[in-house]
Each structure stands twice: as C-alpha cells, then as structure tokens.
Amino acid sequence: MSPMTFHAPRVKAALTFASAGLLSTTLIQVTAAPPASADGPPTAEGCTLWLRYADMPVIPHSAFSDLATLCLIQAERAKAGKAPIPRPQELLHPNPLGVAAERQVEAAVNQKWWTPSNPDWHTNPVSKSTPESRAKDAGYCPGGSPQIAEIVYNGWNGGGTPRAAVKWWMGSPTHHDIILGIGHSWNNFAAATNPDVADPAGKDGSGKGAFVVVFGQC
C-alpha cells in the first residue's frame, strides 16, 4: 500500500524464559504486511475514560495511550472469558515491567531498528538487552525465575493507535496467545507507547505510534 494512505504496520513478539539460574531464550517472531483506573489494575469495567484515547495516535508525554492499550487487552481477555491481568502499581515504586517497556520503546524509536531486514526486534542491537534482561534490570521478580513475553508494534498514516495495535496483535496467533495467556498465568503487565516509530520508513508519516507491552509471570 502507498505510504500516503494506510500503512500496514509491522509487529513482532518474543517469549523469553529463565529458570534455575539458567537462561533459556526462545524468540517467537511474527511479521505482519495488542479496565483501567489510574492507581490500580486496569479492568474492562473501569476503562471508560482511557478508551476515549483508543482511536487516537499516541499522545506525547502522557500515559493515556498506554492505559488505552492495556484496557483493550483486558477487554479482549474478557471477551475470551479470561480473568483480567493484575497490574500492581505503587506511587513510589513504578511497575518494573513498565520501566522495561519504556526502555525498549524509547531505544527503538531513537535507534530505529524495527525494519523488515532485521529479524530480531527484541534484542537491542547496541546494548544487546533482551526482554528478560530488561525486566530483570528493572527489578522484576527479584530472586525468582520469571517468564516474560514482549510484543511490539509500530504504525503510521492511520495505524498508530492503540486499537490498531491490539487489532493486529489479536489477528496473529502468536500475539493472540500471549495476550490471552495461553500456557501462562500472567500476574503483571505493562505498556509503553511513543508518538514516533521505530522503522525509518515511517519517520515522515502522520499519526505515528510505537507500542511495547511486556507480560510477566513471577
């Protein structure tokens, strides 16, 4: 499709497992062309405010797009009969998975390595960080053996909204299963968004957005 119209976004997902001090990493990648209160777990019933932002491009310097993305994910889980994922949050201690997601999306839009020629969008080509290492460095599940899943997306020219991201994710079997926790019991998750893209092809597009969601089981 012409980049002057709607750009079919590119998305990928990674699953990372660590156990017994021995890191075993499996990356599952897919290329295409994912209710809230401010101080508690987002649940489908509590998302009225945040879903106002679901069809808007990512809003700079705010958590509105992050929360809209989480709300849409919880709504998909509710439709499938799944319980909402808890999202512990403390004012003085940010969600570690949120810190990990923010580091990933900021690095991605600055370095712009989410390109069709790059087979791995989850390993930072400069720092070599991975979904698991970012979660660990942010303080998630200290002393435990967490399971981590990361899904990423960027779109522009109509594709840079939370709803567009979640629609693409739910249309992919890999992302669908991660969001619904098939084979996992996620007990935490977080999203980070950015009003830029991580693919140079979209740098001059309008309505841009880059999205990272990290799921954890500790």
Protein backbone atom coordinates (compact mmCIF):
# COMPACT_ATOMS: atom_id res chain seq x y z
CA MET A 1 0.00 0.00 0.00
CA SER A 2 1.09 3.52 -0.60
CA PRO A 3 2.63 5.17 2.47
CA MET A 4 0.42 8.12 1.69
CA THR A 5 -2.62 6.08 2.69
CA PHE A 6 -2.76 3.43 5.39
CA HIS A 7 0.47 1.72 6.24
CA ALA A 8 0.19 -1.95 7.12
CA PRO A 9 2.16 -2.00 10.39
CA ARG A 10 4.87 -4.44 11.26
CA VAL A 11 4.64 -6.33 14.52
CA LYS A 12 6.66 -8.95 16.34
CA ALA A 13 6.56 -10.89 19.55
CA ALA A 14 9.06 -12.60 21.78
CA LEU A 15 8.78 -15.15 24.55
CA THR A 16 11.64 -15.41 26.98
CA PHE A 17 12.01 -17.97 29.76
CA ALA A 18 14.50 -18.05 32.62
CA SER A 19 14.69 -20.83 35.18
CA ALA A 20 17.01 -22.17 37.87
CA GLY A 21 19.63 -19.59 37.10
CA LEU A 22 19.98 -20.93 33.55
CA LEU A 23 18.67 -18.63 30.87
CA SER A 24 16.90 -20.32 28.01
CA THR A 25 15.57 -17.92 25.43
CA THR A 26 13.09 -18.66 22.70
CA LEU A 27 12.09 -15.87 20.36
CA ILE A 28 8.82 -16.36 18.54
CA GLN A 29 8.60 -13.74 15.83
CA VAL A 30 5.77 -12.75 13.57
CA THR A 31 5.97 -10.12 10.85
CA ALA A 32 2.71 -8.63 9.55
CA ALA A 33 2.16 -6.85 5.77
CA PRO A 34 -2.49 -5.66 21.25
CA PRO A 35 -10.40 -1.88 32.50
CA ALA A 36 -8.36 0.84 33.97
CA SER A 37 -8.08 3.09 36.94
CA ALA A 38 -5.12 5.39 37.36
CA ASP A 39 -3.98 3.73 40.58
CA GLY A 40 -4.96 0.09 40.25
CA PRO A 41 -5.27 -2.87 37.92
CA PRO A 42 -6.91 -1.98 34.60
CA THR A 43 -10.15 -3.92 34.26
CA ALA A 44 -12.59 -3.94 31.39
CA GLU A 45 -15.24 -2.34 33.60
CA GLY A 46 -13.03 0.58 34.62
CA CYS A 47 -11.83 1.66 31.20
CA THR A 48 -14.41 4.18 30.06
CA LEU A 49 -12.08 7.16 30.45
CA TRP A 50 -9.00 5.58 28.89
CA LEU A 51 -10.80 4.07 25.92
CA ARG A 52 -11.51 7.58 24.71
CA TYR A 53 -7.91 7.52 23.51
CA ALA A 54 -8.06 4.11 21.80
CA ASP A 55 -8.54 5.54 18.32
CA MET A 56 -6.14 8.46 18.66
CA PRO A 57 -2.47 8.41 17.66
CA VAL A 58 -0.12 8.16 20.61
CA ILE A 59 -0.36 11.23 22.82
CA PRO A 60 3.07 12.64 23.75
CA HIS A 61 4.16 12.87 27.37
CA SER A 62 1.13 11.12 28.85
CA ALA A 63 0.01 7.68 29.95
CA PHE A 64 -3.32 7.88 28.12
CA SER A 65 -2.23 5.75 25.16
CA ASP A 66 -0.51 3.26 27.49
CA LEU A 67 -3.70 2.84 29.52
CA ALA A 68 -5.89 2.61 26.43
CA THR A 69 -3.68 -0.21 25.16
CA LEU A 70 -3.92 -2.09 28.46
CA CYS A 71 -7.68 -1.59 28.55
CA LEU A 72 -8.11 -3.00 25.07
CA ILE A 73 -6.03 -6.03 26.05
CA GLN A 74 -8.16 -6.58 29.15
CA ALA A 75 -11.29 -6.27 27.00
CA GLU A 76 -10.00 -8.97 24.65
CA ARG A 77 -9.31 -11.21 27.61
CA ALA A 78 -12.81 -10.57 28.98
CA LYS A 79 -14.38 -11.49 25.62
CA ALA A 80 -12.45 -14.78 25.75
CA GLY A 81 -13.62 -15.47 29.29
CA LYS A 82 -10.19 -14.77 30.78
CA ALA A 83 -9.64 -13.01 34.09
CA PRO A 84 -8.01 -9.57 33.98
CA ILE A 85 -4.26 -9.43 34.47
CA PRO A 86 -3.30 -7.69 37.70
CA ARG A 87 -1.06 -4.66 37.29
CA PRO A 88 0.46 -3.76 40.68
CA GLN A 89 1.41 -0.12 40.85
CA GLU A 90 2.79 1.94 43.69
CA LEU A 91 3.33 5.67 43.59
CA LEU A 92 6.92 5.48 44.83
CA HIS A 93 7.80 2.22 43.07
CA PRO A 94 6.84 2.11 39.37
CA ASN A 95 5.85 -1.20 37.84
CA PRO A 96 9.17 -2.81 36.80
CA LEU A 97 7.61 -4.17 33.62
CA GLY A 98 6.56 -0.62 32.76
CA VAL A 99 10.13 0.52 33.19
CA ALA A 100 11.31 -2.32 30.93
CA ALA A 101 8.70 -1.47 28.29
CA GLU A 102 9.59 2.21 28.39
CA ARG A 103 13.28 1.48 27.93
CA GLN A 104 12.51 -0.69 24.93
CA VAL A 105 10.21 1.75 23.15
CA GLU A 106 12.49 4.74 23.77
CA ALA A 107 15.53 2.91 22.46
CA ALA A 108 13.60 1.59 19.47
CA VAL A 109 12.37 4.98 18.26
CA ASN A 110 15.79 6.53 18.78
CA GLN A 111 17.77 3.75 17.07
CA LYS A 112 15.05 2.72 14.58
CA TRP A 113 15.98 -0.94 14.19
CA TRP A 114 12.43 -2.32 13.70
CA THR A 115 12.90 -2.82 9.97
CA PRO A 116 11.89 -5.68 7.65
CA SER A 117 15.55 -6.59 7.15
CA ASN A 118 16.16 -7.02 10.88
CA PRO A 119 14.99 -10.45 12.09
CA ASP A 120 15.09 -9.54 15.80
CA TRP A 121 13.21 -6.52 17.07
CA HIS A 122 13.52 -7.58 20.71
CA THR A 123 17.29 -7.58 21.16
CA ASN A 124 18.67 -4.06 21.24
CA PRO A 125 21.47 -4.01 18.64
CA VAL A 126 23.50 -1.52 20.68
CA SER A 127 23.02 -2.55 24.32
CA LYS A 128 22.20 -6.21 23.48
CA SER A 129 19.40 -6.08 26.06
CA THR A 130 16.57 -8.62 25.72
CA PRO A 131 13.02 -8.71 27.10
CA GLU A 132 14.22 -10.85 30.00
CA SER A 133 17.28 -8.74 30.78
CA ARG A 134 15.27 -5.51 30.65
CA ALA A 135 12.71 -6.91 33.07
CA LYS A 136 15.43 -8.18 35.39
CA ASP A 137 17.35 -4.89 35.26
CA ALA A 138 14.15 -3.03 36.11
CA GLY A 139 13.75 -5.16 39.25
CA TYR A 140 11.02 -7.56 38.20
CA CYS A 141 10.70 -10.79 40.21
CA PRO A 142 13.96 -10.45 42.18
CA GLY A 143 15.37 -13.83 43.07
CA GLY A 144 12.69 -15.61 41.08
CA SER A 145 12.51 -17.41 37.74
CA PRO A 146 10.14 -15.26 35.70
CA GLN A 147 8.55 -15.92 32.37
CA ILE A 148 8.47 -12.82 30.18
CA ALA A 149 6.66 -12.11 26.92
CA GLU A 150 7.10 -8.94 24.91
CA ILE A 151 5.02 -7.80 21.96
CA VAL A 152 5.86 -4.76 19.86
CA TYR A 153 4.20 -2.79 17.10
CA ASN A 154 4.57 0.42 15.15
CA GLY A 155 2.32 2.06 12.62
CA TRP A 156 1.68 5.37 10.89
CA ASN A 157 -0.74 7.07 8.50
CA GLY A 158 -3.76 5.66 10.32
CA GLY A 159 -2.03 2.74 12.00
CA GLY A 160 -0.52 4.43 15.05
CA THR A 161 -3.38 4.00 17.52
CA PRO A 162 -3.86 1.62 20.46
CA ARG A 163 -6.81 -0.02 18.73
CA ALA A 164 -4.80 -0.61 15.55
CA ALA A 165 -2.03 -2.20 17.61
CA VAL A 166 -4.32 -4.54 19.52
CA LYS A 167 -6.25 -5.44 16.37
CA TRP A 168 -3.03 -6.56 14.67
CA TRP A 169 -1.88 -8.47 17.71
CA MET A 170 -5.19 -10.30 18.08
CA GLY A 171 -5.10 -11.22 14.40
CA SER A 172 -1.80 -13.06 14.86
CA PRO A 173 -1.92 -16.49 16.53
CA THR A 174 1.32 -15.77 18.41
CA HIS A 175 0.18 -12.43 19.78
CA HIS A 176 -3.34 -13.70 20.41
CA ASP A 177 -1.98 -16.50 22.60
CA ILE A 178 0.35 -14.18 24.50
CA ILE A 179 -2.45 -11.70 25.23
CA LEU A 180 -4.83 -14.43 26.36
CA GLY A 181 -2.09 -16.11 28.39
CA ILE A 182 -2.34 -19.45 26.61
CA GLY A 183 0.06 -21.64 28.58
CA HIS A 184 0.78 -18.86 31.06
CA SER A 185 -0.77 -17.22 34.11
CA TRP A 186 0.37 -13.63 33.73
CA ASN A 187 0.32 -11.80 37.05
CA ASN A 188 1.61 -8.47 35.80
CA PHE A 189 1.83 -6.49 32.59
CA ALA A 190 2.59 -3.00 31.38
CA ALA A 191 2.58 -0.93 28.22
CA ALA A 192 4.72 1.90 26.92
CA THR A 193 3.96 3.98 23.85
CA ASN A 194 5.76 6.66 21.88
CA PRO A 195 4.46 9.13 19.27
CA ASP A 196 7.28 8.19 16.89
CA VAL A 197 8.07 4.98 15.01
CA ALA A 198 10.98 2.56 15.17
CA ASP A 199 11.08 2.00 11.40
CA PRO A 200 12.74 4.74 9.31
CA ALA A 201 10.14 4.15 6.60
CA GLY A 202 7.52 5.84 8.74
CA LYS A 203 9.53 8.78 10.05
CA ASP A 204 7.68 11.29 7.85
CA GLY A 205 4.27 9.72 8.33
CA SER A 206 1.41 11.23 10.26
CA GLY A 207 -0.39 9.73 13.24
CA LYS A 208 2.61 7.67 14.25
CA GLY A 209 2.89 5.31 17.19
CA ALA A 210 5.26 2.71 18.62
CA PHE A 211 3.96 0.25 21.21
CA VAL A 212 5.58 -2.21 23.62
CA VAL A 213 3.69 -4.46 26.03
CA VAL A 214 5.53 -6.69 28.48
CA PHE A 215 3.81 -9.56 30.29
CA GLY A 216 5.26 -11.26 33.33
CA GLN A 217 4.71 -14.38 35.39
CA CYS A 218 6.72 -14.44 38.60
